[in-house]
Amino acid sequence: MEIIYNLPDFREFRSLLDSQSKSIGFVPTMGALHNGHLSLIQKAMESCEIVIVSIFVNPTQFNDPNDLKNYPREIEKDIKKLSPLNPNVIFIPGVEDIYPKPDTRIFDFGNLDKVMEGATRPGHFNGVAQVVSRLFDIVRPHKAFFGQKDFQQLAIIKAMVLQLDYKIEIVSCPIIREENGLAMSSRNSLLTEAERKNASFIYKILKEAKASYPALTIEEISNTAVKKFENQPGINLIYFEIVDSKSLAPVKTPDNSSEIVACVAVKINAVRLIDNLIFD
């Protein structure tokens, strides 16, 4: 396992792979690694001959300066967690490596980045597209692995790959959950034990919503879930939406969608958490 901290050294490493005709898998992360990240890396190692993991907290996807400041950074712990898996390279670039000059690109994703996270975090997905495209240009992988927890982000990245004509397969990997059902997230480390216990309510409501489908209408399911969140102490609901899994447009009746997914975002004190559940 090699650790590379700057762009020139990484490019030297990457150039050596050009003549080897090996499949390259890539797992981009912002660090504070948990078992969800490790499951992505394990999947990459099962699928590819070379696996590269990046750790980079991307400033352009944070619309809230305090959120960027408070985002957990645990490089030494991350390296220890990665050691047993032994990926070929851990790439830990600096901001100057990813953005040698300001990235002024503006992406157009139609409705995909206007709803849910996009509506409540202006500029977030443009920042995601900036950093992921930069990393794709640097790493040049054959496959890239992303978790389904960030469902909207996954849709944005797939759209970006088509727009920029990348020959990269985007591999969607299932959500990994804690014992109480809470979706694993780097932000979970910011929760107290009591908050973490309370956060299990998120998955509980998602499961109840799915179980009530299709006996109840989409509107009834959504209204019921919203009321339950609003009545739960310690949890502030940002949104609960039932949307088409491809367009992310709100679903009124299931007849118009081949697959629907319930997406939710909440705040527990200052910690923002998201989750989702696909309905059969």
C-alpha atoms as a PDB file:
ATOM      1  CA  MET A   1       0.000   0.000   0.000  1.00  0.00           C
ATOM      2  CA  GLU A   2       1.570   3.253  -1.176  1.00  0.00           C
ATOM      3  CA  ILE A   3       0.545   6.665   0.145  1.00  0.00           C
ATOM      4  CA  ILE A   4       0.910   9.605  -2.236  1.00  0.00           C
ATOM      5  CA  TYR A   5       0.433  13.168  -1.003  1.00  0.00           C
ATOM      6  CA  ASN A   6       0.837  15.296  -4.127  1.00  0.00           C
ATOM      7  CA  LEU A   7      -0.138  15.428  -7.778  1.00  0.00           C
ATOM      8  CA  PRO A   8       3.332  15.114  -9.414  1.00  0.00           C
ATOM      9  CA  ASP A   9       4.082  11.893  -7.518  1.00  0.00           C
ATOM     10  CA  PHE A  10       0.658  10.495  -8.325  1.00  0.00           C
ATOM     11  CA  ARG A  11       1.033  11.262 -12.028  1.00  0.00           C
ATOM     12  CA  GLU A  12       4.377   9.464 -12.019  1.00  0.00           C
ATOM     13  CA  PHE A  13       2.711   6.418 -10.445  1.00  0.00           C
ATOM     14  CA  ARG A  14      -0.242   6.568 -12.842  1.00  0.00           C
ATOM     15  CA  SER A  15       1.979   6.792 -15.919  1.00  0.00           C
ATOM     16  CA  LEU A  16       3.570   3.464 -14.980  1.00  0.00           C
ATOM     17  CA  LEU A  17       0.146   1.801 -15.263  1.00  0.00           C
ATOM     18  CA  ASP A  18      -0.428   2.907 -18.858  1.00  0.00           C
ATOM     19  CA  SER A  19       1.606   0.060 -20.296  1.00  0.00           C
ATOM     20  CA  GLN A  20       0.286  -2.621 -17.929  1.00  0.00           C
ATOM     21  CA  SER A  21      -3.283  -3.011 -19.272  1.00  0.00           C
ATOM     22  CA  LYS A  22      -4.660  -3.578 -15.779  1.00  0.00           C
ATOM     23  CA  SER A  23      -8.182  -2.675 -14.704  1.00  0.00           C
ATOM     24  CA  ILE A  24      -8.216   0.313 -12.356  1.00  0.00           C
ATOM     25  CA  GLY A  25     -10.870   0.797  -9.688  1.00  0.00           C
ATOM     26  CA  PHE A  26     -11.299   4.101  -7.899  1.00  0.00           C
ATOM     27  CA  VAL A  27     -13.003   4.974  -4.609  1.00  0.00           C
ATOM     28  CA  PRO A  28     -13.106   8.738  -3.973  1.00  0.00           C
ATOM     29  CA  THR A  29     -13.748   9.698  -0.347  1.00  0.00           C
ATOM     30  CA  MET A  30     -13.601  12.702   1.952  1.00  0.00           C
ATOM     31  CA  GLY A  31     -12.047  10.630   4.716  1.00  0.00           C
ATOM     32  CA  ALA A  32     -13.404   9.886   8.199  1.00  0.00           C
ATOM     33  CA  LEU A  33     -13.730   6.376   6.841  1.00  0.00           C
ATOM     34  CA  HIS A  34     -16.279   3.873   8.138  1.00  0.00           C
ATOM     35  CA  ASN A  35     -17.437   0.404   7.154  1.00  0.00           C
ATOM     36  CA  GLY A  36     -19.520   1.840   4.344  1.00  0.00           C
ATOM     37  CA  HIS A  37     -16.377   3.197   2.681  1.00  0.00           C
ATOM     38  CA  LEU A  38     -14.529  -0.030   3.369  1.00  0.00           C
ATOM     39  CA  SER A  39     -17.295  -2.006   1.650  1.00  0.00           C
ATOM     40  CA  LEU A  40     -16.783   0.121  -1.478  1.00  0.00           C
ATOM     41  CA  ILE A  41     -13.064  -0.564  -1.407  1.00  0.00           C
ATOM     42  CA  GLN A  42     -13.669  -4.286  -0.897  1.00  0.00           C
ATOM     43  CA  LYS A  43     -16.015  -4.296  -3.898  1.00  0.00           C
ATOM     44  CA  ALA A  44     -13.390  -2.476  -5.971  1.00  0.00           C
ATOM     45  CA  MET A  45     -10.730  -4.992  -4.979  1.00  0.00           C
ATOM     46  CA  GLU A  46     -12.993  -7.857  -6.024  1.00  0.00           C
ATOM     47  CA  SER A  47     -13.602  -6.231  -9.410  1.00  0.00           C
ATOM     48  CA  CYS A  48     -10.306  -4.595 -10.377  1.00  0.00           C
ATOM     49  CA  GLU A  49      -6.594  -5.380 -10.471  1.00  0.00           C
ATOM     50  CA  ILE A  50      -5.479  -1.958  -9.212  1.00  0.00           C
ATOM     51  CA  VAL A  51      -7.428  -0.035  -6.562  1.00  0.00           C
ATOM     52  CA  ILE A  52      -6.881   3.632  -5.797  1.00  0.00           C
ATOM     53  CA  VAL A  53      -8.539   5.379  -2.831  1.00  0.00           C
ATOM     54  CA  SER A  54      -8.517   9.151  -2.552  1.00  0.00           C
ATOM     55  CA  ILE A  55      -9.028  11.214   0.598  1.00  0.00           C
ATOM     56  CA  PHE A  56      -9.853  14.856  -0.074  1.00  0.00           C
ATOM     57  CA  VAL A  57     -12.283  17.181   1.692  1.00  0.00           C
ATOM     58  CA  ASN A  58     -13.592  19.201  -1.226  1.00  0.00           C
ATOM     59  CA  PRO A  59     -14.195  22.868  -0.342  1.00  0.00           C
ATOM     60  CA  THR A  60     -16.289  23.676  -3.417  1.00  0.00           C
ATOM     61  CA  GLN A  61     -19.198  21.442  -2.398  1.00  0.00           C
ATOM     62  CA  PHE A  62     -19.793  23.141   0.953  1.00  0.00           C
ATOM     63  CA  ASN A  63     -22.198  26.067   0.859  1.00  0.00           C
ATOM     64  CA  ASP A  64     -21.913  26.427   4.650  1.00  0.00           C
ATOM     65  CA  PRO A  65     -18.395  27.460   5.840  1.00  0.00           C
ATOM     66  CA  ASN A  66     -19.092  26.009   9.297  1.00  0.00           C
ATOM     67  CA  ASP A  67     -19.988  22.659   7.750  1.00  0.00           C
ATOM     68  CA  LEU A  68     -16.628  22.617   5.957  1.00  0.00           C
ATOM     69  CA  LYS A  69     -14.798  23.667   9.105  1.00  0.00           C
ATOM     70  CA  ASN A  70     -16.470  20.999  11.243  1.00  0.00           C
ATOM     71  CA  TYR A  71     -16.224  18.147   8.741  1.00  0.00           C
ATOM     72  CA  PRO A  72     -14.247  15.349  10.466  1.00  0.00           C
ATOM     73  CA  ARG A  73     -10.625  14.922   9.368  1.00  0.00           C
ATOM     74  CA  GLU A  74      -8.926  11.761  10.620  1.00  0.00           C
ATOM     75  CA  ILE A  75      -6.097  10.964   8.192  1.00  0.00           C
ATOM     76  CA  GLU A  76      -4.031   8.802  10.568  1.00  0.00           C
ATOM     77  CA  LYS A  77      -7.094   6.788  11.603  1.00  0.00           C
ATOM     78  CA  ASP A  78      -8.123   6.443   7.959  1.00  0.00           C
ATOM     79  CA  ILE A  79      -4.751   5.022   6.967  1.00  0.00           C
ATOM     80  CA  LYS A  80      -4.950   2.477   9.810  1.00  0.00           C
ATOM     81  CA  LYS A  81      -8.417   1.423   8.676  1.00  0.00           C
ATOM     82  CA  LEU A  82      -7.212   0.990   5.100  1.00  0.00           C
ATOM     83  CA  SER A  83      -4.111  -1.035   5.989  1.00  0.00           C
ATOM     84  CA  PRO A  84      -5.876  -4.431   6.385  1.00  0.00           C
ATOM     85  CA  LEU A  85      -7.545  -4.018   2.980  1.00  0.00           C
ATOM     86  CA  ASN A  86      -4.229  -2.972   1.422  1.00  0.00           C
ATOM     87  CA  PRO A  87      -5.384  -1.013  -1.649  1.00  0.00           C
ATOM     88  CA  ASN A  88      -2.593  -0.249  -4.085  1.00  0.00           C
ATOM     89  CA  VAL A  89      -2.556   3.510  -3.493  1.00  0.00           C
ATOM     90  CA  ILE A  90      -4.015   6.033  -1.090  1.00  0.00           C
ATOM     91  CA  PHE A  91      -4.006   9.438  -2.781  1.00  0.00           C
ATOM     92  CA  ILE A  92      -4.199  12.360  -0.335  1.00  0.00           C
ATOM     93  CA  PRO A  93      -3.867  15.522  -2.425  1.00  0.00           C
ATOM     94  CA  GLY A  94      -3.929  19.112  -1.255  1.00  0.00           C
ATOM     95  CA  VAL A  95      -6.341  21.773  -2.456  1.00  0.00           C
ATOM     96  CA  GLU A  96      -3.609  23.175  -4.719  1.00  0.00           C
ATOM     97  CA  ASP A  97      -3.325  19.776  -6.443  1.00  0.00           C
ATOM     98  CA  ILE A  98      -7.022  19.520  -7.249  1.00  0.00           C
ATOM     99  CA  TYR A  99      -7.567  23.224  -7.909  1.00  0.00           C
ATOM    100  CA  PRO A 100      -4.315  24.794  -9.164  1.00  0.00           C
ATOM    101  CA  LYS A 101      -6.579  27.639 -10.242  1.00  0.00           C
ATOM    102  CA  PRO A 102     -10.201  28.392  -9.281  1.00  0.00           C
ATOM    103  CA  ASP A 103     -12.662  26.001 -10.912  1.00  0.00           C
ATOM    104  CA  THR A 104     -15.273  28.230 -12.540  1.00  0.00           C
ATOM    105  CA  ARG A 105     -17.110  25.494 -14.436  1.00  0.00           C
ATOM    106  CA  ILE A 106     -20.884  25.487 -14.123  1.00  0.00           C
ATOM    107  CA  PHE A 107     -22.659  22.205 -14.835  1.00  0.00           C
ATOM    108  CA  ASP A 108     -26.227  21.856 -16.060  1.00  0.00           C
ATOM    109  CA  PHE A 109     -27.996  18.798 -14.697  1.00  0.00           C
ATOM    110  CA  GLY A 110     -31.525  19.947 -15.443  1.00  0.00           C
ATOM    111  CA  ASN A 111     -33.832  19.038 -12.573  1.00  0.00           C
ATOM    112  CA  LEU A 112     -31.430  16.559 -10.939  1.00  0.00           C
ATOM    113  CA  ASP A 113     -29.617  19.193  -8.871  1.00  0.00           C
ATOM    114  CA  LYS A 114     -32.608  21.448  -8.237  1.00  0.00           C
ATOM    115  CA  VAL A 115     -34.485  19.204  -5.780  1.00  0.00           C
ATOM    116  CA  MET A 116     -33.841  17.821  -2.286  1.00  0.00           C
ATOM    117  CA  GLU A 117     -30.153  18.374  -1.450  1.00  0.00           C
ATOM    118  CA  GLY A 118     -29.817  20.747  -4.391  1.00  0.00           C
ATOM    119  CA  ALA A 119     -32.710  22.892  -3.219  1.00  0.00           C
ATOM    120  CA  THR A 120     -31.381  23.177   0.322  1.00  0.00           C
ATOM    121  CA  ARG A 121     -27.634  23.339  -0.419  1.00  0.00           C
ATOM    122  CA  PRO A 122     -27.088  25.761  -3.328  1.00  0.00           C
ATOM    123  CA  GLY A 123     -23.991  24.955  -5.373  1.00  0.00           C
ATOM    124  CA  HIS A 124     -23.356  21.660  -3.602  1.00  0.00           C
ATOM    125  CA  PHE A 125     -23.691  19.386  -6.618  1.00  0.00           C
ATOM    126  CA  ASN A 126     -21.785  21.728  -8.896  1.00  0.00           C
ATOM    127  CA  GLY A 127     -18.925  21.364  -6.409  1.00  0.00           C
ATOM    128  CA  VAL A 128     -19.346  17.580  -6.414  1.00  0.00           C
ATOM    129  CA  ALA A 129     -19.163  17.528 -10.224  1.00  0.00           C
ATOM    130  CA  GLN A 130     -16.069  19.746 -10.152  1.00  0.00           C
ATOM    131  CA  VAL A 131     -14.101  17.554  -7.773  1.00  0.00           C
ATOM    132  CA  VAL A 132     -15.198  14.191  -9.165  1.00  0.00           C
ATOM    133  CA  SER A 133     -14.402  15.224 -12.734  1.00  0.00           C
ATOM    134  CA  ARG A 134     -10.996  16.527 -11.632  1.00  0.00           C
ATOM    135  CA  LEU A 135     -10.275  13.265  -9.829  1.00  0.00           C
ATOM    136  CA  PHE A 136     -11.464  11.239 -12.822  1.00  0.00           C
ATOM    137  CA  ASP A 137      -9.107  13.227 -15.077  1.00  0.00           C
ATOM    138  CA  ILE A 138      -6.205  12.591 -12.708  1.00  0.00           C
ATOM    139  CA  VAL A 139      -6.861   8.944 -11.810  1.00  0.00           C
ATOM    140  CA  ARG A 140      -8.331   7.810 -15.168  1.00  0.00           C
ATOM    141  CA  PRO A 141     -10.089   4.739 -13.710  1.00  0.00           C
ATOM    142  CA  HIS A 142     -12.074   2.075 -15.526  1.00  0.00           C
ATOM    143  CA  LYS A 143     -14.574   1.773 -12.688  1.00  0.00           C
ATOM    144  CA  ALA A 144     -15.545   4.128  -9.855  1.00  0.00           C
ATOM    145  CA  PHE A 145     -17.453   3.006  -6.779  1.00  0.00           C
ATOM    146  CA  PHE A 146     -20.048   5.074  -4.914  1.00  0.00           C
ATOM    147  CA  GLY A 147     -22.446   4.331  -2.079  1.00  0.00           C
ATOM    148  CA  GLN A 148     -26.198   4.415  -2.560  1.00  0.00           C
ATOM    149  CA  LYS A 149     -26.642   6.452   0.637  1.00  0.00           C
ATOM    150  CA  ASP A 150     -25.867   9.555  -1.404  1.00  0.00           C
ATOM    151  CA  PHE A 151     -28.594   8.652  -3.883  1.00  0.00           C
ATOM    152  CA  GLN A 152     -28.912  12.064  -5.498  1.00  0.00           C
ATOM    153  CA  GLN A 153     -25.140  12.423  -5.765  1.00  0.00           C
ATOM    154  CA  LEU A 154     -25.022   9.077  -7.559  1.00  0.00           C
ATOM    155  CA  ALA A 155     -27.585  10.302 -10.107  1.00  0.00           C
ATOM    156  CA  ILE A 156     -25.580  13.516 -10.612  1.00  0.00           C
ATOM    157  CA  ILE A 157     -22.320  11.629 -11.165  1.00  0.00           C
ATOM    158  CA  LYS A 158     -23.933   9.287 -13.691  1.00  0.00           C
ATOM    159  CA  ALA A 159     -25.273  12.323 -15.552  1.00  0.00           C
ATOM    160  CA  MET A 160     -21.860  13.990 -15.442  1.00  0.00           C
ATOM    161  CA  VAL A 161     -20.175  10.882 -16.873  1.00  0.00           C
ATOM    162  CA  LEU A 162     -22.565  10.996 -19.824  1.00  0.00           C
ATOM    163  CA  GLN A 163     -22.133  14.744 -20.329  1.00  0.00           C
ATOM    164  CA  LEU A 164     -18.331  14.612 -20.301  1.00  0.00           C
ATOM    165  CA  ASP A 165     -18.203  11.324 -22.216  1.00  0.00           C
ATOM    166  CA  TYR A 166     -16.086   9.509 -19.651  1.00  0.00           C
ATOM    167  CA  LYS A 167     -15.481   5.836 -20.404  1.00  0.00           C
ATOM    168  CA  ILE A 168     -15.915   4.987 -16.743  1.00  0.00           C
ATOM    169  CA  GLU A 169     -18.351   2.487 -15.262  1.00  0.00           C
ATOM    170  CA  ILE A 170     -20.108   3.903 -12.193  1.00  0.00           C
ATOM    171  CA  VAL A 171     -20.739   1.100  -9.713  1.00  0.00           C
ATOM    172  CA  SER A 172     -23.527   1.686  -7.191  1.00  0.00           C
ATOM    173  CA  CYS A 173     -23.027  -0.119  -3.879  1.00  0.00           C
ATOM    174  CA  PRO A 174     -25.689  -0.731  -1.208  1.00  0.00           C
ATOM    175  CA  ILE A 175     -26.034   1.283   1.987  1.00  0.00           C
ATOM    176  CA  ILE A 176     -24.175  -0.143   4.977  1.00  0.00           C
ATOM    177  CA  ARG A 177     -25.989   0.449   8.243  1.00  0.00           C
ATOM    178  CA  GLU A 178     -25.127   0.466  11.910  1.00  0.00           C
ATOM    179  CA  GLU A 179     -26.814  -2.089  14.179  1.00  0.00           C
ATOM    180  CA  ASN A 180     -29.651   0.333  14.942  1.00  0.00           C
ATOM    181  CA  GLY A 181     -30.302   0.944  11.237  1.00  0.00           C
ATOM    182  CA  LEU A 182     -28.600   4.344  10.980  1.00  0.00           C
ATOM    183  CA  ALA A 183     -26.915   4.684   7.584  1.00  0.00           C
ATOM    184  CA  MET A 184     -23.159   4.803   8.055  1.00  0.00           C
ATOM    185  CA  SER A 185     -21.772   8.278   7.437  1.00  0.00           C
ATOM    186  CA  SER A 186     -18.641  10.212   8.310  1.00  0.00           C
ATOM    187  CA  ARG A 187     -20.930  12.700  10.031  1.00  0.00           C
ATOM    188  CA  ASN A 188     -22.115  10.053  12.500  1.00  0.00           C
ATOM    189  CA  SER A 189     -18.875  10.571  14.414  1.00  0.00           C
ATOM    190  CA  LEU A 190     -20.147  14.055  15.316  1.00  0.00           C
ATOM    191  CA  LEU A 191     -23.195  12.626  17.117  1.00  0.00           C
ATOM    192  CA  THR A 192     -23.363  11.963  20.843  1.00  0.00           C
ATOM    193  CA  GLU A 193     -24.472   8.502  21.935  1.00  0.00           C
ATOM    194  CA  ALA A 194     -27.956   9.819  22.706  1.00  0.00           C
ATOM    195  CA  GLU A 195     -28.154  11.541  19.312  1.00  0.00           C
ATOM    196  CA  ARG A 196     -26.959   8.429  17.522  1.00  0.00           C
ATOM    197  CA  LYS A 197     -29.681   6.408  19.248  1.00  0.00           C
ATOM    198  CA  ASN A 198     -32.297   8.995  18.283  1.00  0.00           C
ATOM    199  CA  ALA A 199     -31.026   9.002  14.689  1.00  0.00           C
ATOM    200  CA  SER A 200     -32.170   5.377  14.280  1.00  0.00           C
ATOM    201  CA  PHE A 201     -35.641   6.930  13.951  1.00  0.00           C
ATOM    202  CA  ILE A 202     -34.746   7.922  10.372  1.00  0.00           C
ATOM    203  CA  TYR A 203     -34.514   4.350   9.089  1.00  0.00           C
ATOM    204  CA  LYS A 204     -37.508   3.305  11.194  1.00  0.00           C
ATOM    205  CA  ILE A 205     -39.727   5.803   9.373  1.00  0.00           C
ATOM    206  CA  LEU A 206     -38.298   4.863   5.975  1.00  0.00           C
ATOM    207  CA  LYS A 207     -39.132   1.203   6.636  1.00  0.00           C
ATOM    208  CA  GLU A 208     -42.636   2.097   7.795  1.00  0.00           C
ATOM    209  CA  ALA A 209     -43.140   4.163   4.641  1.00  0.00           C
ATOM    210  CA  LYS A 210     -42.035   1.291   2.437  1.00  0.00           C
ATOM    211  CA  ALA A 211     -44.216  -1.204   4.343  1.00  0.00           C
ATOM    212  CA  SER A 212     -47.300   0.969   3.774  1.00  0.00           C
ATOM    213  CA  TYR A 213     -46.770   0.968   0.006  1.00  0.00           C
ATOM    214  CA  PRO A 214     -48.894   0.410  -2.080  1.00  0.00           C
ATOM    215  CA  ALA A 215     -51.750   0.107   0.439  1.00  0.00           C
ATOM    216  CA  LEU A 216     -51.558   3.884   0.996  1.00  0.00           C
ATOM    217  CA  THR A 217     -51.223   6.534  -1.681  1.00  0.00           C
ATOM    218  CA  ILE A 218     -47.887   8.295  -2.176  1.00  0.00           C
ATOM    219  CA  GLU A 219     -49.363  11.452  -0.663  1.00  0.00           C
ATOM    220  CA  GLU A 220     -50.640   9.575   2.396  1.00  0.00           C
ATOM    221  CA  ILE A 221     -47.279   7.869   2.911  1.00  0.00           C
ATOM    222  CA  SER A 222     -45.413  11.163   2.624  1.00  0.00           C
ATOM    223  CA  ASN A 223     -47.786  13.096   4.909  1.00  0.00           C
ATOM    224  CA  THR A 224     -47.634  10.369   7.555  1.00  0.00           C
ATOM    225  CA  ALA A 225     -43.836  10.300   7.510  1.00  0.00           C
ATOM    226  CA  VAL A 226     -43.554  14.090   7.716  1.00  0.00           C
ATOM    227  CA  LYS A 227     -45.872  14.212  10.744  1.00  0.00           C
ATOM    228  CA  LYS A 228     -43.857  11.518  12.515  1.00  0.00           C
ATOM    229  CA  PHE A 229     -40.615  13.409  11.963  1.00  0.00           C
ATOM    230  CA  GLU A 230     -42.164  16.684  13.101  1.00  0.00           C
ATOM    231  CA  ASN A 231     -43.326  15.000  16.318  1.00  0.00           C
ATOM    232  CA  GLN A 232     -39.948  13.409  17.078  1.00  0.00           C
ATOM    233  CA  PRO A 233     -37.956  15.433  19.651  1.00  0.00           C
ATOM    234  CA  GLY A 234     -34.360  16.228  18.731  1.00  0.00           C
ATOM    235  CA  ILE A 235     -34.813  15.743  14.981  1.00  0.00           C
ATOM    236  CA  ASN A 236     -35.432  18.644  12.611  1.00  0.00           C
ATOM    237  CA  LEU A 237     -36.794  17.491   9.259  1.00  0.00           C
ATOM    238  CA  ILE A 238     -35.319  19.238   6.207  1.00  0.00           C
ATOM    239  CA  TYR A 239     -37.250  17.233   3.610  1.00  0.00           C
ATOM    240  CA  PHE A 240     -38.963  13.918   3.024  1.00  0.00           C
ATOM    241  CA  GLU A 241     -39.567  13.206  -0.657  1.00  0.00           C
ATOM    242  CA  ILE A 242     -40.772  10.209  -2.643  1.00  0.00           C
ATOM    243  CA  VAL A 243     -39.240  10.515  -6.105  1.00  0.00           C
ATOM    244  CA  ASP A 244     -38.547   8.666  -9.322  1.00  0.00           C
ATOM    245  CA  SER A 245     -35.171   6.945  -8.987  1.00  0.00           C
ATOM    246  CA  LYS A 246     -33.935   8.182 -12.369  1.00  0.00           C
ATOM    247  CA  SER A 247     -35.370  11.685 -12.810  1.00  0.00           C
ATOM    248  CA  LEU A 248     -35.648  12.476  -9.067  1.00  0.00           C
ATOM    249  CA  ALA A 249     -38.946  14.148  -9.873  1.00  0.00           C
ATOM    250  CA  PRO A 250     -41.614  13.870  -7.136  1.00  0.00           C
ATOM    251  CA  VAL A 251     -43.933  10.912  -7.675  1.00  0.00           C
ATOM    252  CA  LYS A 252     -47.653  11.504  -7.367  1.00  0.00           C
ATOM    253  CA  THR A 253     -48.814   8.078  -8.579  1.00  0.00           C
ATOM    254  CA  PRO A 254     -46.575   5.019  -9.008  1.00  0.00           C
ATOM    255  CA  ASP A 255     -47.941   4.391 -12.522  1.00  0.00           C
ATOM    256  CA  ASN A 256     -45.566   6.994 -13.946  1.00  0.00           C
ATOM    257  CA  SER A 257     -42.404   5.530 -12.421  1.00  0.00           C
ATOM    258  CA  SER A 258     -40.636   2.206 -12.857  1.00  0.00           C
ATOM    259  CA  GLU A 259     -38.891   2.591  -9.487  1.00  0.00           C
ATOM    260  CA  ILE A 260     -39.492   5.003  -6.630  1.00  0.00           C
ATOM    261  CA  VAL A 261     -37.314   5.927  -3.698  1.00  0.00           C
ATOM    262  CA  ALA A 262     -38.007   7.736  -0.439  1.00  0.00           C
ATOM    263  CA  CYS A 263     -35.299  10.284   0.380  1.00  0.00           C
ATOM    264  CA  VAL A 264     -34.923  12.134   3.656  1.00  0.00           C
ATOM    265  CA  ALA A 265     -32.653  14.751   5.204  1.00  0.00           C
ATOM    266  CA  VAL A 266     -32.664  15.839   8.832  1.00  0.00           C
ATOM    267  CA  LYS A 267     -30.593  17.823  11.261  1.00  0.00           C
ATOM    268  CA  ILE A 268     -29.808  16.562  14.728  1.00  0.00           C
ATOM    269  CA  ASN A 269     -28.455  19.677  16.409  1.00  0.00           C
ATOM    270  CA  ALA A 270     -25.772  20.819  13.907  1.00  0.00           C
ATOM    271  CA  VAL A 271     -25.301  17.437  12.216  1.00  0.00           C
ATOM    272  CA  ARG A 272     -26.965  16.944   8.845  1.00  0.00           C
ATOM    273  CA  LEU A 273     -27.902  13.353   7.959  1.00  0.00           C
ATOM    274  CA  ILE A 274     -29.410  11.869   4.804  1.00  0.00           C
ATOM    275  CA  ASP A 275     -30.845   8.463   3.996  1.00  0.00           C
ATOM    276  CA  ASN A 276     -33.057   6.744   1.428  1.00  0.00           C
ATOM    277  CA  LEU A 277     -34.919   3.534   0.758  1.00  0.00           C
ATOM    278  CA  ILE A 278     -35.996   2.128  -2.598  1.00  0.00           C
ATOM    279  CA  PHE A 279     -39.568   0.803  -2.755  1.00  0.00           C
ATOM    280  CA  ASP A 280     -40.148  -2.484  -4.549  1.00  0.00           C
END
